[in-house]
Structures are given as structure tokens and as C-alpha cells.
Amino acid sequence: MVFYFYSRTSTVLQNSARQIETFKSHEGFDPSRLFVERIQGNIPFMERPEAVRMFDELTNQSERCTVVVDSIDRLGRNLLDILHTISLFNQNQINLKSIKEGFTTLLDNGDVNPMAQLVISCMGSIAEMNRNQIKQRALEGIRVAQALGKYQGRKVGATQTDEKLLQRHQSIVKKLQKGISIRDISEITGASSATICKVKKVMANRKMLEI
């Protein structure tokens, strides 16, 4: 079993020393497999530079791997994104261990841990309920604004520029340049095929892809 360690703090002013000290007392700790990220927690896991670098290394390993985090919120603040990351890890037989929550996502034989699956299922149900509530509130807000004549929808021309599209999806850009398929990129990053195709079209127009 090969252990990888992932630490995240929101800003450079926050200190990751406590997380790293906890990792040092964990079996299999190796500084070369420590990935320290300084990024806001609302950024999706697979859009973070160090997370992507770690995932690329994990998926190139022939041995079974475990990613150790101090707590589950190091993966992100968005519950749906956390669930997607765990699902992606499971698909690639990557075990996740959260020290604070005290569970691992896979058993020693590689099967999904039923207790962790139960916790994750509960988290998923809560996330779905929260998402529906947010959508409902947004619709109600639009209806009120429409009734008051204050809602006019998206302004003409308020579309994302090509430059902003490429900046926002740098992870997709790099993987397209490596020749990774749209389907695989979608599984790795969680982005929709439509978004990836849109990025690919812009890159092709700018001659950023090898034919």
C-alpha cells in the first residue's frame, strides 16, 4: 500500500503545519508524496493544480494507493463535489482515508467500505435536498422579480468569452493537449462532455491542438 497525503489551506496566510505534523505520525509518510495546496475550498477538487498532479501520479501507480486527508472538508466545501471526488477515487481503486472522520472508503480487499458508503449516501441525500431547496428559492426569487418588472433575463452578449473559458478550464485544456479522450476527461474532472467539446472547439480554432 502506497500512501499519499493531501493538505489544503485557503490562503498563503494560513498554516498547513498542523496537518503536516499529523501526517508525519501516519504510517507510510513520505515527503515526496505530500501535496500541499493553497486554494479556496469552493474550487472543485479536480480543478486544483496540486490535486490534479496528485491524481495523475496516483493513476500511474501499479500498487494500491490511499490518499490521506486531515478531514473530509480538505477535499472541498461543496458536498456534491466531495461526493464526485470520492466516486472518482472509487472508480480508480484509490482509497481515501479521513483522519478526523475516522473512515476509509475502501476495504483491504478493494471493495467499497459499506460503512463509508452509508455515510456517503446520507451525505448525497442531504446534498440533493439542499440543491433542490436552492433551485426552488432561485425560481421563487425570479418570479417575484418578474412580477415587479425587475427581471429581464440574461443580457444580450452576456456570454463567456473564449479567453475566460480557457482560463476557467485549464485542467481540461492540459488534458486535451495530452490527447486524453473527452470521455476520460469528463470522468477525471467531472466536467460535462458539452463543456469539454466547447473548450476543444476554441482550442482547435486557436490551433492549440495537434491534428
N, C-alpha and C. Protein backbone atom coordinates (compact mmCIF):
# COMPACT_ATOMS: atom_id res chain seq x y z
N MET A 1 0.85 -1.20 0.00
CA MET A 1 0.00 0.00 0.00
C MET A 1 0.88 1.25 0.00
N VAL A 2 0.61 2.14 -0.95
CA VAL A 2 1.34 3.41 -1.04
C VAL A 2 0.44 4.52 -0.53
N PHE A 3 0.97 5.34 0.37
CA PHE A 3 0.18 6.42 0.96
C PHE A 3 0.56 7.77 0.35
N TYR A 4 -0.47 8.53 0.00
CA TYR A 4 -0.30 9.91 -0.46
C TYR A 4 -1.00 10.82 0.56
N PHE A 5 -0.49 12.02 0.70
CA PHE A 5 -1.02 12.92 1.72
C PHE A 5 -1.38 14.26 1.08
N TYR A 6 -2.62 14.68 1.30
CA TYR A 6 -3.12 15.92 0.67
C TYR A 6 -3.52 16.92 1.75
N SER A 7 -2.90 18.10 1.69
CA SER A 7 -3.19 19.18 2.63
C SER A 7 -3.69 20.39 1.85
N ARG A 8 -4.73 21.05 2.38
CA ARG A 8 -5.22 22.27 1.74
C ARG A 8 -5.48 23.34 2.79
N THR A 9 -5.00 24.55 2.50
CA THR A 9 -5.38 25.73 3.27
C THR A 9 -5.93 26.75 2.28
N SER A 10 -6.80 27.63 2.76
CA SER A 10 -7.48 28.56 1.85
C SER A 10 -6.57 29.66 1.33
N THR A 11 -5.62 30.12 2.14
CA THR A 11 -4.74 31.21 1.72
C THR A 11 -3.32 30.93 2.16
N VAL A 12 -2.40 31.71 1.61
CA VAL A 12 -0.98 31.55 1.98
C VAL A 12 -0.75 31.97 3.42
N LEU A 13 -1.69 32.75 3.98
CA LEU A 13 -1.54 33.21 5.35
C LEU A 13 -1.87 32.10 6.36
N GLN A 14 -2.66 31.12 5.92
CA GLN A 14 -3.00 30.02 6.80
C GLN A 14 -1.87 28.99 6.79
N ASN A 15 -1.63 28.39 7.93
CA ASN A 15 -0.50 27.48 8.09
C ASN A 15 -0.96 26.04 7.97
N SER A 16 -0.29 25.29 7.10
CA SER A 16 -0.62 23.87 6.92
C SER A 16 0.22 22.97 7.83
N ALA A 17 1.02 23.58 8.73
CA ALA A 17 1.95 22.82 9.57
C ALA A 17 1.23 21.79 10.43
N ARG A 18 0.05 22.15 10.97
CA ARG A 18 -0.67 21.21 11.84
C ARG A 18 -1.06 19.95 11.07
N GLN A 19 -1.58 20.14 9.86
CA GLN A 19 -1.96 18.99 9.04
C GLN A 19 -0.74 18.12 8.72
N ILE A 20 0.36 18.77 8.38
CA ILE A 20 1.57 18.04 8.01
C ILE A 20 2.14 17.28 9.21
N GLU A 21 2.09 17.89 10.39
CA GLU A 21 2.57 17.20 11.60
C GLU A 21 1.74 15.95 11.86
N THR A 22 0.45 16.03 11.62
CA THR A 22 -0.42 14.86 11.78
C THR A 22 -0.03 13.77 10.79
N PHE A 23 0.28 14.17 9.56
CA PHE A 23 0.67 13.21 8.53
C PHE A 23 1.99 12.51 8.90
N LYS A 24 2.91 13.24 9.52
CA LYS A 24 4.22 12.69 9.83
C LYS A 24 4.13 11.49 10.78
N SER A 25 3.09 11.45 11.59
CA SER A 25 2.93 10.33 12.52
C SER A 25 2.15 9.18 11.91
N HIS A 26 1.75 9.33 10.67
CA HIS A 26 0.97 8.29 9.98
C HIS A 26 1.92 7.31 9.30
N GLU A 27 1.53 6.05 9.26
CA GLU A 27 2.38 5.05 8.59
C GLU A 27 2.55 5.39 7.11
N GLY A 28 3.73 5.09 6.60
CA GLY A 28 3.99 5.28 5.18
C GLY A 28 4.21 6.71 4.75
N PHE A 29 4.41 7.62 5.71
CA PHE A 29 4.60 9.02 5.32
C PHE A 29 5.92 9.19 4.57
N ASP A 30 5.83 9.87 3.44
CA ASP A 30 7.00 10.17 2.61
C ASP A 30 6.80 11.59 2.09
N PRO A 31 7.71 12.53 2.39
CA PRO A 31 7.56 13.92 1.95
C PRO A 31 7.39 14.05 0.43
N SER A 32 7.93 13.10 -0.33
CA SER A 32 7.81 13.18 -1.79
C SER A 32 6.39 12.90 -2.26
N ARG A 33 5.57 12.35 -1.36
CA ARG A 33 4.18 12.07 -1.72
C ARG A 33 3.21 12.97 -0.91
N LEU A 34 3.74 14.11 -0.50
CA LEU A 34 2.92 15.10 0.19
C LEU A 34 2.57 16.22 -0.79
N PHE A 35 1.29 16.52 -0.91
CA PHE A 35 0.83 17.56 -1.83
C PHE A 35 0.12 18.65 -1.00
N VAL A 36 0.70 19.83 -1.03
CA VAL A 36 0.17 20.95 -0.24
C VAL A 36 -0.45 21.98 -1.18
N GLU A 37 -1.73 22.24 -0.97
CA GLU A 37 -2.48 23.15 -1.84
C GLU A 37 -2.89 24.38 -1.05
N ARG A 38 -2.71 25.55 -1.65
CA ARG A 38 -3.20 26.79 -1.05
C ARG A 38 -4.23 27.38 -2.01
N ILE A 39 -5.48 27.05 -1.74
CA ILE A 39 -6.55 27.41 -2.67
C ILE A 39 -7.88 27.41 -1.91
N GLN A 40 -8.82 28.19 -2.37
CA GLN A 40 -10.14 28.25 -1.74
C GLN A 40 -10.85 26.90 -1.85
N GLY A 41 -11.57 26.54 -0.79
CA GLY A 41 -12.25 25.25 -0.76
C GLY A 41 -13.40 25.12 -1.72
N ASN A 42 -13.91 26.26 -2.26
CA ASN A 42 -15.02 26.16 -3.20
C ASN A 42 -14.56 25.84 -4.63
N ILE A 43 -13.25 25.79 -4.86
CA ILE A 43 -12.73 25.37 -6.16
C ILE A 43 -12.84 23.84 -6.25
N PRO A 44 -13.50 23.29 -7.28
CA PRO A 44 -13.63 21.84 -7.41
C PRO A 44 -12.28 21.14 -7.31
N PHE A 45 -12.27 19.99 -6.68
CA PHE A 45 -11.02 19.26 -6.42
C PHE A 45 -10.19 19.05 -7.68
N MET A 46 -10.86 18.63 -8.78
CA MET A 46 -10.12 18.33 -9.99
C MET A 46 -9.81 19.56 -10.84
N GLU A 47 -10.01 20.74 -10.27
CA GLU A 47 -9.57 21.97 -10.93
C GLU A 47 -8.43 22.62 -10.14
N ARG A 48 -7.90 21.90 -9.14
CA ARG A 48 -6.80 22.41 -8.34
C ARG A 48 -5.48 21.83 -8.87
N PRO A 49 -4.47 22.67 -9.05
CA PRO A 49 -3.20 22.20 -9.64
C PRO A 49 -2.56 21.02 -8.91
N GLU A 50 -2.43 21.11 -7.59
CA GLU A 50 -1.77 20.03 -6.85
C GLU A 50 -2.64 18.77 -6.81
N ALA A 51 -3.95 18.95 -6.74
CA ALA A 51 -4.85 17.79 -6.74
C ALA A 51 -4.76 17.04 -8.06
N VAL A 52 -4.72 17.79 -9.16
CA VAL A 52 -4.60 17.16 -10.49
C VAL A 52 -3.26 16.45 -10.62
N ARG A 53 -2.19 17.10 -10.13
CA ARG A 53 -0.86 16.48 -10.20
C ARG A 53 -0.82 15.19 -9.38
N MET A 54 -1.45 15.22 -8.21
CA MET A 54 -1.50 14.02 -7.37
C MET A 54 -2.31 12.92 -8.05
N PHE A 55 -3.46 13.29 -8.62
CA PHE A 55 -4.31 12.29 -9.27
C PHE A 55 -3.61 11.64 -10.46
N ASP A 56 -2.89 12.45 -11.23
CA ASP A 56 -2.13 11.90 -12.36
C ASP A 56 -1.10 10.88 -11.88
N GLU A 57 -0.44 11.19 -10.76
CA GLU A 57 0.56 10.28 -10.21
C GLU A 57 -0.09 9.01 -9.65
N LEU A 58 -1.23 9.19 -8.99
CA LEU A 58 -1.96 8.05 -8.42
C LEU A 58 -2.38 7.06 -9.51
N THR A 59 -2.91 7.59 -10.60
CA THR A 59 -3.42 6.73 -11.67
C THR A 59 -2.31 6.10 -12.49
N ASN A 60 -1.08 6.52 -12.26
CA ASN A 60 0.07 5.88 -12.93
C ASN A 60 0.75 4.84 -12.04
N GLN A 61 0.24 4.71 -10.80
CA GLN A 61 0.82 3.76 -9.86
C GLN A 61 0.29 2.35 -10.14
N SER A 62 1.17 1.35 -10.04
CA SER A 62 0.76 -0.04 -10.21
C SER A 62 0.28 -0.63 -8.89
N GLU A 63 0.73 -0.05 -7.77
CA GLU A 63 0.31 -0.52 -6.45
C GLU A 63 -0.97 0.17 -6.01
N ARG A 64 -1.67 -0.44 -5.04
CA ARG A 64 -2.85 0.18 -4.47
C ARG A 64 -2.44 1.40 -3.65
N CYS A 65 -3.25 2.46 -3.75
CA CYS A 65 -2.90 3.72 -3.10
C CYS A 65 -4.01 4.20 -2.17
N THR A 66 -3.58 4.89 -1.12
CA THR A 66 -4.51 5.54 -0.20
C THR A 66 -4.15 7.02 -0.11
N VAL A 67 -5.14 7.88 -0.29
CA VAL A 67 -4.96 9.31 -0.11
C VAL A 67 -5.42 9.66 1.30
N VAL A 68 -4.54 10.24 2.09
CA VAL A 68 -4.85 10.60 3.47
C VAL A 68 -5.10 12.10 3.56
N VAL A 69 -6.25 12.47 4.15
CA VAL A 69 -6.55 13.88 4.40
C VAL A 69 -6.82 14.08 5.88
N ASP A 70 -6.56 15.27 6.36
CA ASP A 70 -6.78 15.57 7.78
C ASP A 70 -8.27 15.50 8.10
N SER A 71 -9.10 16.02 7.21
CA SER A 71 -10.55 15.95 7.36
C SER A 71 -11.18 16.02 5.98
N ILE A 72 -12.41 15.58 5.88
CA ILE A 72 -13.07 15.46 4.58
C ILE A 72 -13.25 16.81 3.91
N ASP A 73 -13.31 17.91 4.71
CA ASP A 73 -13.52 19.22 4.10
C ASP A 73 -12.27 19.75 3.40
N ARG A 74 -11.15 19.02 3.53
CA ARG A 74 -9.95 19.40 2.75
C ARG A 74 -10.21 19.16 1.26
N LEU A 75 -11.14 18.23 0.95
CA LEU A 75 -11.48 17.97 -0.45
C LEU A 75 -12.30 19.11 -1.04
N GLY A 76 -13.05 19.82 -0.20
CA GLY A 76 -13.87 20.93 -0.69
C GLY A 76 -14.98 21.29 0.26
N ARG A 77 -15.63 22.41 -0.04
CA ARG A 77 -16.76 22.87 0.76
C ARG A 77 -18.08 22.47 0.12
N ASN A 78 -18.03 22.15 -1.17
CA ASN A 78 -19.24 21.76 -1.89
C ASN A 78 -19.44 20.27 -1.74
N LEU A 79 -20.53 19.88 -1.11
CA LEU A 79 -20.78 18.47 -0.82
C LEU A 79 -20.86 17.63 -2.07
N LEU A 80 -21.49 18.15 -3.12
CA LEU A 80 -21.61 17.40 -4.36
C LEU A 80 -20.24 17.15 -4.99
N ASP A 81 -19.36 18.14 -4.90
CA ASP A 81 -18.02 17.97 -5.45
C ASP A 81 -17.23 16.95 -4.65
N ILE A 82 -17.40 16.94 -3.31
CA ILE A 82 -16.74 15.94 -2.47
C ILE A 82 -17.20 14.54 -2.86
N LEU A 83 -18.51 14.39 -3.04
CA LEU A 83 -19.06 13.09 -3.42
C LEU A 83 -18.54 12.65 -4.79
N HIS A 84 -18.42 13.60 -5.71
CA HIS A 84 -17.89 13.27 -7.04
C HIS A 84 -16.44 12.82 -6.94
N THR A 85 -15.65 13.50 -6.10
CA THR A 85 -14.25 13.13 -5.94
C THR A 85 -14.11 11.73 -5.36
N ILE A 86 -14.92 11.42 -4.35
CA ILE A 86 -14.88 10.08 -3.75
C ILE A 86 -15.28 9.03 -4.78
N SER A 87 -16.31 9.32 -5.57
CA SER A 87 -16.75 8.39 -6.62
C SER A 87 -15.64 8.17 -7.64
N LEU A 88 -14.96 9.24 -8.02
CA LEU A 88 -13.85 9.15 -8.97
C LEU A 88 -12.72 8.30 -8.40
N PHE A 89 -12.41 8.49 -7.12
CA PHE A 89 -11.39 7.68 -6.45
C PHE A 89 -11.79 6.20 -6.47
N ASN A 90 -13.06 5.93 -6.13
CA ASN A 90 -13.53 4.54 -6.10
C ASN A 90 -13.40 3.87 -7.46
N GLN A 91 -13.76 4.62 -8.52
CA GLN A 91 -13.67 4.08 -9.87
C GLN A 91 -12.25 3.69 -10.24
N ASN A 92 -11.29 4.39 -9.67
CA ASN A 92 -9.88 4.13 -9.97
C ASN A 92 -9.19 3.33 -8.87
N GLN A 93 -10.01 2.72 -7.99
CA GLN A 93 -9.49 1.89 -6.90
C GLN A 93 -8.50 2.65 -6.02
N ILE A 94 -8.79 3.93 -5.79
CA ILE A 94 -7.98 4.76 -4.90
C ILE A 94 -8.73 4.89 -3.57
N ASN A 95 -8.10 4.47 -2.51
CA ASN A 95 -8.72 4.55 -1.19
C ASN A 95 -8.54 5.95 -0.62
N LEU A 96 -9.57 6.44 0.07
CA LEU A 96 -9.49 7.73 0.74
C LEU A 96 -9.63 7.51 2.24
N LYS A 97 -8.70 8.10 3.00
CA LYS A 97 -8.77 7.99 4.45
C LYS A 97 -8.86 9.39 5.06
N SER A 98 -9.91 9.60 5.84
CA SER A 98 -10.07 10.86 6.56
C SER A 98 -9.74 10.62 8.03
N ILE A 99 -8.72 11.29 8.52
CA ILE A 99 -8.28 11.09 9.91
C ILE A 99 -9.34 11.58 10.90
N LYS A 100 -9.86 12.77 10.68
CA LYS A 100 -10.83 13.36 11.62
C LYS A 100 -12.12 12.55 11.67
N GLU A 101 -12.67 12.21 10.50
CA GLU A 101 -13.93 11.46 10.46
C GLU A 101 -13.74 9.99 10.76
N GLY A 102 -12.49 9.51 10.65
CA GLY A 102 -12.17 8.15 11.05
C GLY A 102 -12.71 7.05 10.15
N PHE A 103 -12.72 7.26 8.84
CA PHE A 103 -13.15 6.18 7.95
C PHE A 103 -12.31 6.13 6.69
N THR A 104 -12.30 4.97 6.05
CA THR A 104 -11.68 4.79 4.74
C THR A 104 -12.77 4.37 3.77
N THR A 105 -12.63 4.74 2.51
CA THR A 105 -13.69 4.46 1.54
C THR A 105 -13.61 3.05 0.97
N LEU A 106 -12.43 2.42 1.03
CA LEU A 106 -12.27 1.06 0.50
C LEU A 106 -11.75 0.14 1.59
N LEU A 107 -12.15 -1.13 1.50
CA LEU A 107 -11.64 -2.15 2.42
C LEU A 107 -10.29 -2.65 1.92
N ASP A 108 -9.63 -3.48 2.72
CA ASP A 108 -8.31 -4.01 2.35
C ASP A 108 -8.35 -4.82 1.07
N ASN A 109 -9.51 -5.46 0.77
CA ASN A 109 -9.61 -6.26 -0.45
C ASN A 109 -10.01 -5.44 -1.68
N GLY A 110 -10.16 -4.12 -1.50
CA GLY A 110 -10.50 -3.25 -2.62
C GLY A 110 -11.98 -2.98 -2.78
N ASP A 111 -12.83 -3.68 -2.00
CA ASP A 111 -14.27 -3.44 -2.08
C ASP A 111 -14.63 -2.13 -1.38
N VAL A 112 -15.76 -1.57 -1.78
CA VAL A 112 -16.23 -0.33 -1.15
C VAL A 112 -16.61 -0.62 0.31
N ASN A 113 -16.13 0.22 1.21
CA ASN A 113 -16.44 0.08 2.63
C ASN A 113 -17.93 0.38 2.86
N PRO A 114 -18.73 -0.61 3.29
CA PRO A 114 -20.18 -0.39 3.44
C PRO A 114 -20.51 0.71 4.44
N MET A 115 -19.73 0.85 5.51
CA MET A 115 -19.99 1.89 6.49
C MET A 115 -19.73 3.28 5.89
N ALA A 116 -18.63 3.37 5.14
CA ALA A 116 -18.32 4.64 4.47
C ALA A 116 -19.38 4.94 3.42
N GLN A 117 -19.83 3.89 2.72
CA GLN A 117 -20.85 4.06 1.69
C GLN A 117 -22.15 4.58 2.29
N LEU A 118 -22.47 4.10 3.49
CA LEU A 118 -23.67 4.57 4.18
C LEU A 118 -23.57 6.06 4.50
N VAL A 119 -22.40 6.45 5.03
CA VAL A 119 -22.18 7.86 5.35
C VAL A 119 -22.26 8.71 4.09
N ILE A 120 -21.62 8.23 3.01
CA ILE A 120 -21.60 8.97 1.75
C ILE A 120 -23.00 9.07 1.16
N SER A 121 -23.80 8.00 1.28
CA SER A 121 -25.17 8.02 0.77
C SER A 121 -26.00 9.06 1.51
N CYS A 122 -25.82 9.13 2.83
CA CYS A 122 -26.53 10.14 3.63
C CYS A 122 -26.11 11.54 3.22
N MET A 123 -24.80 11.71 3.00
CA MET A 123 -24.29 13.00 2.55
C MET A 123 -24.91 13.37 1.20
N GLY A 124 -25.03 12.36 0.30
CA GLY A 124 -25.60 12.59 -1.02
C GLY A 124 -27.06 13.02 -0.94
N SER A 125 -27.82 12.38 -0.04
CA SER A 125 -29.23 12.73 0.12
C SER A 125 -29.39 14.16 0.63
N ILE A 126 -28.55 14.53 1.59
CA ILE A 126 -28.58 15.90 2.13
C ILE A 126 -28.20 16.90 1.04
N ALA A 127 -27.18 16.55 0.25
CA ALA A 127 -26.74 17.45 -0.83
C ALA A 127 -27.84 17.65 -1.86
N GLU A 128 -28.53 16.57 -2.21
CA GLU A 128 -29.61 16.65 -3.19
C GLU A 128 -30.75 17.52 -2.65
N MET A 129 -31.08 17.36 -1.38
CA MET A 129 -32.14 18.16 -0.77
C MET A 129 -31.76 19.63 -0.75
N ASN A 130 -30.50 19.92 -0.40
CA ASN A 130 -30.04 21.30 -0.37
C ASN A 130 -30.07 21.92 -1.77
N ARG A 131 -29.65 21.15 -2.76
CA ARG A 131 -29.63 21.64 -4.13
C ARG A 131 -31.04 21.98 -4.61
N ASN A 132 -32.02 21.10 -4.29
CA ASN A 132 -33.41 21.36 -4.69
C ASN A 132 -33.96 22.59 -3.99
N GLN A 133 -33.59 22.78 -2.71
CA GLN A 133 -34.04 23.96 -1.98
C GLN A 133 -33.49 25.24 -2.59
N ILE A 134 -32.21 25.20 -2.98
CA ILE A 134 -31.58 26.37 -3.60
C ILE A 134 -32.25 26.70 -4.93
N LYS A 135 -32.53 25.66 -5.73
CA LYS A 135 -33.20 25.87 -7.02
C LYS A 135 -34.58 26.47 -6.81
N GLN A 136 -35.31 25.95 -5.82
CA GLN A 136 -36.67 26.43 -5.55
C GLN A 136 -36.65 27.89 -5.12
N ARG A 137 -35.68 28.25 -4.25
CA ARG A 137 -35.58 29.64 -3.81
C ARG A 137 -35.24 30.56 -4.98
N ALA A 138 -34.35 30.07 -5.85
CA ALA A 138 -33.96 30.88 -7.01
C ALA A 138 -35.16 31.13 -7.92
N LEU A 139 -35.96 30.08 -8.16
CA LEU A 139 -37.15 30.22 -9.01
C LEU A 139 -38.16 31.19 -8.39
N GLU A 140 -38.33 31.06 -7.08
CA GLU A 140 -39.26 31.96 -6.39
C GLU A 140 -38.78 33.41 -6.48
N GLY A 141 -37.47 33.60 -6.35
CA GLY A 141 -36.90 34.94 -6.46
C GLY A 141 -37.10 35.52 -7.85
N ILE A 142 -36.96 34.68 -8.88
CA ILE A 142 -37.16 35.14 -10.26
C ILE A 142 -38.62 35.53 -10.49
N ARG A 143 -39.53 34.71 -9.97
CA ARG A 143 -40.96 35.00 -10.14
C ARG A 143 -41.33 36.34 -9.50
N VAL A 144 -40.80 36.57 -8.29
CA VAL A 144 -41.06 37.84 -7.61
C VAL A 144 -40.50 39.00 -8.42
N ALA A 145 -39.28 38.84 -8.91
CA ALA A 145 -38.64 39.90 -9.70
C ALA A 145 -39.40 40.15 -11.00
N GLN A 146 -39.90 39.09 -11.62
CA GLN A 146 -40.68 39.24 -12.85
C GLN A 146 -41.97 39.99 -12.58
N ALA A 147 -42.62 39.65 -11.44
CA ALA A 147 -43.87 40.32 -11.08
C ALA A 147 -43.65 41.80 -10.85
N LEU A 148 -42.46 42.17 -10.37
CA LEU A 148 -42.14 43.57 -10.11
C LEU A 148 -41.52 44.25 -11.33
N GLY A 149 -41.35 43.48 -12.40
CA GLY A 149 -40.77 44.03 -13.62
C GLY A 149 -39.28 44.28 -13.54
N LYS A 150 -38.61 43.58 -12.61
CA LYS A 150 -37.17 43.81 -12.42
C LYS A 150 -36.29 42.72 -13.01
N TYR A 151 -36.93 41.65 -13.53
CA TYR A 151 -36.13 40.55 -14.07
C TYR A 151 -36.28 40.52 -15.58
N GLN A 152 -35.16 40.63 -16.27
CA GLN A 152 -35.18 40.65 -17.73
C GLN A 152 -34.37 39.52 -18.35
N GLY A 153 -33.91 38.61 -17.52
CA GLY A 153 -33.12 37.50 -18.04
C GLY A 153 -31.70 37.93 -18.36
N ARG A 154 -30.98 37.05 -19.04
CA ARG A 154 -29.58 37.35 -19.37
C ARG A 154 -29.50 38.46 -20.40
N LYS A 155 -28.60 39.38 -20.17
CA LYS A 155 -28.41 40.47 -21.11
C LYS A 155 -27.82 39.95 -22.42
N VAL A 156 -28.17 40.62 -23.51
CA VAL A 156 -27.63 40.25 -24.81
C VAL A 156 -26.12 40.42 -24.79
N GLY A 157 -25.42 39.42 -25.25
CA GLY A 157 -23.97 39.48 -25.29
C GLY A 157 -23.29 39.06 -24.00
N ALA A 158 -24.09 38.66 -23.00
CA ALA A 158 -23.50 38.28 -21.70
C ALA A 158 -23.08 36.82 -21.72
N THR A 159 -22.26 36.48 -22.67
CA THR A 159 -21.76 35.12 -22.80
C THR A 159 -20.28 35.09 -22.41
N GLN A 160 -19.81 33.92 -22.07
CA GLN A 160 -18.43 33.77 -21.62
C GLN A 160 -17.48 33.90 -22.81
N THR A 161 -16.47 34.74 -22.70
CA THR A 161 -15.50 34.89 -23.79
C THR A 161 -14.63 33.65 -23.88
N ASP A 162 -14.04 33.45 -25.06
CA ASP A 162 -13.17 32.29 -25.27
C ASP A 162 -12.00 32.30 -24.30
N GLU A 163 -11.47 33.50 -24.05
CA GLU A 163 -10.32 33.62 -23.17
C GLU A 163 -10.67 33.18 -21.75
N LYS A 164 -11.83 33.65 -21.27
CA LYS A 164 -12.27 33.28 -19.93
C LYS A 164 -12.58 31.79 -19.84
N LEU A 165 -13.13 31.23 -20.92
CA LEU A 165 -13.45 29.81 -20.95
C LEU A 165 -12.19 28.97 -20.77
N LEU A 166 -11.12 29.34 -21.48
CA LEU A 166 -9.86 28.60 -21.37
C LEU A 166 -9.22 28.79 -20.00
N GLN A 167 -9.30 29.99 -19.46
CA GLN A 167 -8.73 30.25 -18.13
C GLN A 167 -9.47 29.47 -17.05
N ARG A 168 -10.77 29.38 -17.19
CA ARG A 168 -11.58 28.70 -16.18
C ARG A 168 -11.37 27.20 -16.21
N HIS A 169 -11.06 26.66 -17.37
CA HIS A 169 -10.95 25.20 -17.52
C HIS A 169 -9.55 24.78 -17.95
N GLN A 170 -8.55 25.29 -17.21
CA GLN A 170 -7.16 24.99 -17.55
C GLN A 170 -6.85 23.49 -17.44
N SER A 171 -7.50 22.83 -16.48
CA SER A 171 -7.29 21.39 -16.32
C SER A 171 -7.73 20.64 -17.57
N ILE A 172 -8.86 21.04 -18.14
CA ILE A 172 -9.36 20.41 -19.37
C ILE A 172 -8.41 20.70 -20.53
N VAL A 173 -7.94 21.94 -20.61
CA VAL A 173 -7.01 22.34 -21.68
C VAL A 173 -5.77 21.45 -21.67
N LYS A 174 -5.19 21.26 -20.49
CA LYS A 174 -3.96 20.46 -20.38
C LYS A 174 -4.20 19.01 -20.77
N LYS A 175 -5.35 18.47 -20.40
CA LYS A 175 -5.63 17.07 -20.70
C LYS A 175 -5.95 16.87 -22.18
N LEU A 176 -6.59 17.85 -22.80
CA LEU A 176 -6.83 17.78 -24.25
C LEU A 176 -5.51 17.83 -25.01
N GLN A 177 -4.58 18.65 -24.52
CA GLN A 177 -3.27 18.75 -25.17
C GLN A 177 -2.47 17.46 -25.03
N LYS A 178 -2.80 16.67 -23.97
CA LYS A 178 -2.13 15.37 -23.79
C LYS A 178 -2.78 14.28 -24.64
N GLY A 179 -3.90 14.62 -25.31
CA GLY A 179 -4.57 13.65 -26.16
C GLY A 179 -5.55 12.74 -25.43
N ILE A 180 -5.92 13.11 -24.20
CA ILE A 180 -6.88 12.31 -23.43
C ILE A 180 -8.27 12.49 -24.02
N SER A 181 -9.04 11.41 -24.09
CA SER A 181 -10.36 11.45 -24.70
C SER A 181 -11.34 12.29 -23.89
N ILE A 182 -12.38 12.77 -24.58
CA ILE A 182 -13.40 13.59 -23.92
C ILE A 182 -14.07 12.81 -22.80
N ARG A 183 -14.34 11.53 -23.05
CA ARG A 183 -14.99 10.69 -22.04
C ARG A 183 -14.13 10.56 -20.79
N ASP A 184 -12.83 10.31 -20.99
CA ASP A 184 -11.92 10.16 -19.84
C ASP A 184 -11.76 11.48 -19.09
N ILE A 185 -11.70 12.59 -19.83
CA ILE A 185 -11.57 13.90 -19.17
C ILE A 185 -12.80 14.19 -18.34
N SER A 186 -13.96 13.81 -18.86
CA SER A 186 -15.21 14.01 -18.12
C SER A 186 -15.20 13.23 -16.82
N GLU A 187 -14.69 11.98 -16.85
CA GLU A 187 -14.64 11.16 -15.65
C GLU A 187 -13.64 11.71 -14.64
N ILE A 188 -12.51 12.24 -15.15
CA ILE A 188 -11.46 12.74 -14.27
C ILE A 188 -11.85 14.06 -13.62
N THR A 189 -12.39 14.98 -14.42
CA THR A 189 -12.65 16.34 -13.94
C THR A 189 -14.08 16.56 -13.45
N GLY A 190 -15.00 15.71 -13.91
CA GLY A 190 -16.41 15.90 -13.54
C GLY A 190 -17.12 16.90 -14.44
N ALA A 191 -16.39 17.47 -15.41
CA ALA A 191 -17.00 18.42 -16.34
C ALA A 191 -17.87 17.68 -17.35
N SER A 192 -18.90 18.35 -17.85
CA SER A 192 -19.79 17.73 -18.83
C SER A 192 -19.08 17.60 -20.18
N SER A 193 -19.55 16.66 -21.00
CA SER A 193 -18.98 16.49 -22.34
C SER A 193 -19.18 17.76 -23.17
N ALA A 194 -20.32 18.44 -22.97
CA ALA A 194 -20.60 19.67 -23.71
C ALA A 194 -19.55 20.75 -23.42
N THR A 195 -19.18 20.88 -22.13
CA THR A 195 -18.18 21.87 -21.75
C THR A 195 -16.82 21.52 -22.37
N ILE A 196 -16.46 20.24 -22.31
CA ILE A 196 -15.17 19.80 -22.86
C ILE A 196 -15.13 20.03 -24.36
N CYS A 197 -16.24 19.72 -25.05
CA CYS A 197 -16.31 19.93 -26.50
C CYS A 197 -16.19 21.42 -26.83
N LYS A 198 -16.79 22.27 -26.00
CA LYS A 198 -16.72 23.71 -26.21
C LYS A 198 -15.27 24.19 -26.08
N VAL A 199 -14.58 23.70 -25.04
CA VAL A 199 -13.17 24.06 -24.85
C VAL A 199 -12.33 23.56 -26.02
N LYS A 200 -12.60 22.33 -26.44
CA LYS A 200 -11.85 21.73 -27.55
C LYS A 200 -12.03 22.52 -28.85
N LYS A 201 -13.26 23.01 -29.09
CA LYS A 201 -13.55 23.79 -30.30
C LYS A 201 -12.76 25.09 -30.29
N VAL A 202 -12.73 25.76 -29.12
CA VAL A 202 -11.98 27.01 -29.01
C VAL A 202 -10.49 26.76 -29.23
N MET A 203 -9.98 25.67 -28.63
CA MET A 203 -8.57 25.33 -28.80
C MET A 203 -8.23 25.01 -30.25
N ALA A 204 -9.14 24.32 -30.92
CA ALA A 204 -8.92 23.98 -32.34
C ALA A 204 -8.89 25.25 -33.20
N ASN A 205 -9.79 26.18 -32.91
CA ASN A 205 -9.84 27.44 -33.66
C ASN A 205 -8.56 28.25 -33.45
N ARG A 206 -7.98 28.10 -32.28
CA ARG A 206 -6.74 28.84 -31.96
C ARG A 206 -5.49 28.03 -32.28
N LYS A 207 -5.70 26.88 -32.91
CA LYS A 207 -4.59 26.00 -33.29
C LYS A 207 -3.73 25.59 -32.09
N MET A 208 -4.42 25.29 -30.99
CA MET A 208 -3.74 24.86 -29.76
C MET A 208 -3.65 23.35 -29.66
N LEU A 209 -4.22 22.65 -30.63
CA LEU A 209 -4.21 21.20 -30.63
C LEU A 209 -3.47 20.67 -31.84
N GLU A 210 -2.75 19.58 -31.63
CA GLU A 210 -2.06 18.94 -32.74
C GLU A 210 -3.06 18.09 -33.52
N ILE A 211 -3.08 18.24 -34.80
CA ILE A 211 -4.01 17.46 -35.63
C ILE A 211 -3.43 16.09 -35.90
